[in-house]
Protein backbone atom coordinates (compact mmCIF):
# COMPACT_ATOMS: atom_id res chain seq x y z
CA UNK A 1 -358.70 133.06 -87.40
CA UNK A 2 -357.29 131.26 -90.41
CA UNK A 3 -354.36 133.51 -91.33
CA UNK A 4 -353.33 134.69 -87.86
CA UNK A 5 -353.17 138.49 -88.20
CA UNK A 6 -354.74 141.57 -86.70
CA UNK A 7 -356.80 143.91 -88.88
CA UNK A 8 -355.34 146.89 -87.01
CA UNK A 9 -352.41 147.40 -84.68
CA UNK A 10 -351.70 150.54 -82.70
CA UNK A 11 -348.06 151.28 -81.91
CA UNK A 12 -347.66 154.54 -80.03
CA UNK A 13 -349.16 157.31 -82.16
CA UNK A 14 -349.41 155.04 -85.22
CA UNK A 15 -352.26 152.75 -86.33
CA UNK A 16 -351.61 150.24 -89.10
CA UNK A 17 -354.54 148.61 -90.91
CA UNK A 18 -353.97 145.85 -93.47
CA UNK A 19 -355.66 143.10 -95.41
CA UNK A 20 -358.94 144.98 -95.73
CA UNK A 21 -361.28 143.98 -98.54
CA UNK A 22 -364.84 144.69 -99.60
CA UNK A 23 -366.43 142.03 -97.43
CA UNK A 24 -369.23 141.86 -94.89
CA UNK A 25 -369.21 138.97 -92.44
CA UNK A 26 -366.79 137.07 -94.67
CA UNK A 27 -368.74 137.48 -97.91
CA UNK A 28 -367.52 139.59 -100.81
CA UNK A 29 -369.89 142.46 -101.61
CA UNK A 30 -370.78 143.44 -105.17
CA UNK A 31 -368.76 140.89 -107.15
CA UNK A 32 -367.44 142.56 -110.29
CA UNK A 33 -367.91 146.11 -108.94
CA UNK A 34 -364.55 147.67 -108.00
CA UNK A 35 -366.16 150.94 -106.89
CA UNK A 36 -368.57 149.28 -104.43
CA UNK A 37 -365.88 146.95 -103.12
CA UNK A 38 -363.52 149.87 -102.54
CA UNK A 39 -366.20 151.78 -100.62
CA UNK A 40 -366.87 148.71 -98.46
CA UNK A 41 -363.17 148.10 -97.89
CA UNK A 42 -362.70 151.72 -96.81
CA UNK A 43 -365.72 151.42 -94.51
CA UNK A 44 -364.06 148.34 -92.99
CA UNK A 45 -360.83 150.36 -92.58
CA UNK A 46 -362.86 153.05 -90.80
CA UNK A 47 -364.31 150.49 -88.37
CA UNK A 48 -360.83 149.07 -87.63
CA UNK A 49 -359.39 152.54 -87.09
CA UNK A 50 -362.16 153.49 -84.67
CA UNK A 51 -361.57 150.32 -82.65
CA UNK A 52 -357.92 151.40 -82.37
CA UNK A 53 -358.80 154.97 -81.33
CA UNK A 54 -358.32 156.65 -84.72
CA UNK A 55 -360.51 157.96 -87.55
CA UNK A 56 -360.24 158.33 -91.30
CA UNK A 57 -359.12 161.92 -90.71
CA UNK A 58 -355.96 160.52 -89.07
CA UNK A 59 -354.97 158.48 -92.15
CA UNK A 60 -351.71 159.68 -93.69
CA UNK A 61 -351.13 156.87 -96.21
CA UNK A 62 -353.13 154.23 -98.08
CA UNK A 63 -352.08 151.42 -100.37
CA UNK A 64 -354.58 149.93 -102.80
CA UNK A 65 -353.96 146.53 -104.38
CA UNK A 66 -356.19 146.13 -107.44
CA UNK A 67 -356.63 142.89 -109.37
CA UNK A 68 -357.67 144.62 -112.61
CA UNK A 69 -355.75 147.87 -112.93
CA UNK A 70 -357.93 148.92 -115.87
CA UNK A 71 -360.62 149.60 -113.21
CA UNK A 72 -358.39 152.13 -111.46
CA UNK A 73 -360.85 154.97 -112.13
CA UNK A 74 -363.56 153.20 -110.08
CA UNK A 75 -361.14 152.55 -107.22
CA UNK A 76 -359.80 156.11 -107.33
CA UNK A 77 -363.33 157.58 -107.36
CA UNK A 78 -364.30 155.70 -104.19
CA UNK A 79 -361.01 156.64 -102.50
CA UNK A 80 -361.48 160.31 -103.41
CA UNK A 81 -365.05 160.32 -102.06
CA UNK A 82 -364.00 158.86 -98.72
CA UNK A 83 -360.92 161.07 -98.29
CA UNK A 84 -362.18 164.25 -100.00
CA UNK A 85 -361.53 166.50 -97.01
CA UNK A 86 -357.97 165.29 -96.28
CA UNK A 87 -356.47 163.02 -98.96
CA UNK A 88 -353.59 160.85 -97.73
CA UNK A 89 -350.60 159.90 -99.83
CA UNK A 90 -351.43 156.72 -101.69
CA UNK A 91 -350.20 154.04 -104.03
CA UNK A 92 -352.33 151.90 -106.32
CA UNK A 93 -350.74 148.66 -107.40
CA UNK A 94 -351.98 146.11 -109.91
CA UNK A 95 -351.75 142.58 -108.50
CA UNK A 96 -352.29 139.14 -110.00
CA UNK A 97 -355.03 138.19 -107.56
CA UNK A 98 -356.26 138.20 -103.99
CA UNK A 99 -357.22 135.35 -101.67
CA UNK A 100 -360.74 135.14 -103.15
CA UNK A 101 -361.14 135.55 -106.92
CA UNK A 102 -364.23 137.77 -106.37
CA UNK A 103 -362.13 140.28 -104.40
CA UNK A 104 -361.06 143.15 -106.62
CA UNK A 105 -359.41 145.50 -104.10
CA UNK A 106 -357.44 145.22 -100.87
CA UNK A 107 -356.67 148.30 -98.78
CA UNK A 108 -353.95 149.11 -96.27
CA UNK A 109 -353.92 152.34 -94.28
CA UNK A 110 -351.58 154.05 -91.85
CA UNK A 111 -352.90 156.61 -89.40
CA UNK A 112 -350.96 158.99 -87.19
CA UNK A 113 -352.36 160.24 -83.89
CA UNK A 114 -349.53 162.59 -82.92
CA UNK A 115 -349.72 166.35 -82.69
């Protein structure tokens, strides 16, 4: 672990997922394709949630950091597809860059497991 963080942390009925990008085994998928990277990042969020005892249906908030905000439609389309049945509140923020220049999107999610 280079950075020293957890992908997901469960605290009571809450699960927090952060620093999730469109990567597989450390490699960025689909360089230049914000839609594909967002789908992969959200898949990675799903895996982290499941390991913490939650699902995408439990997500109440997402935050999307996007390196090229002009691609927001592609990011939004992927987000809408994944959360079509129960959209969480969300924020999409344009950022100057991520840790790898091929990364276009980073996702954070908060899930609630209460009643």
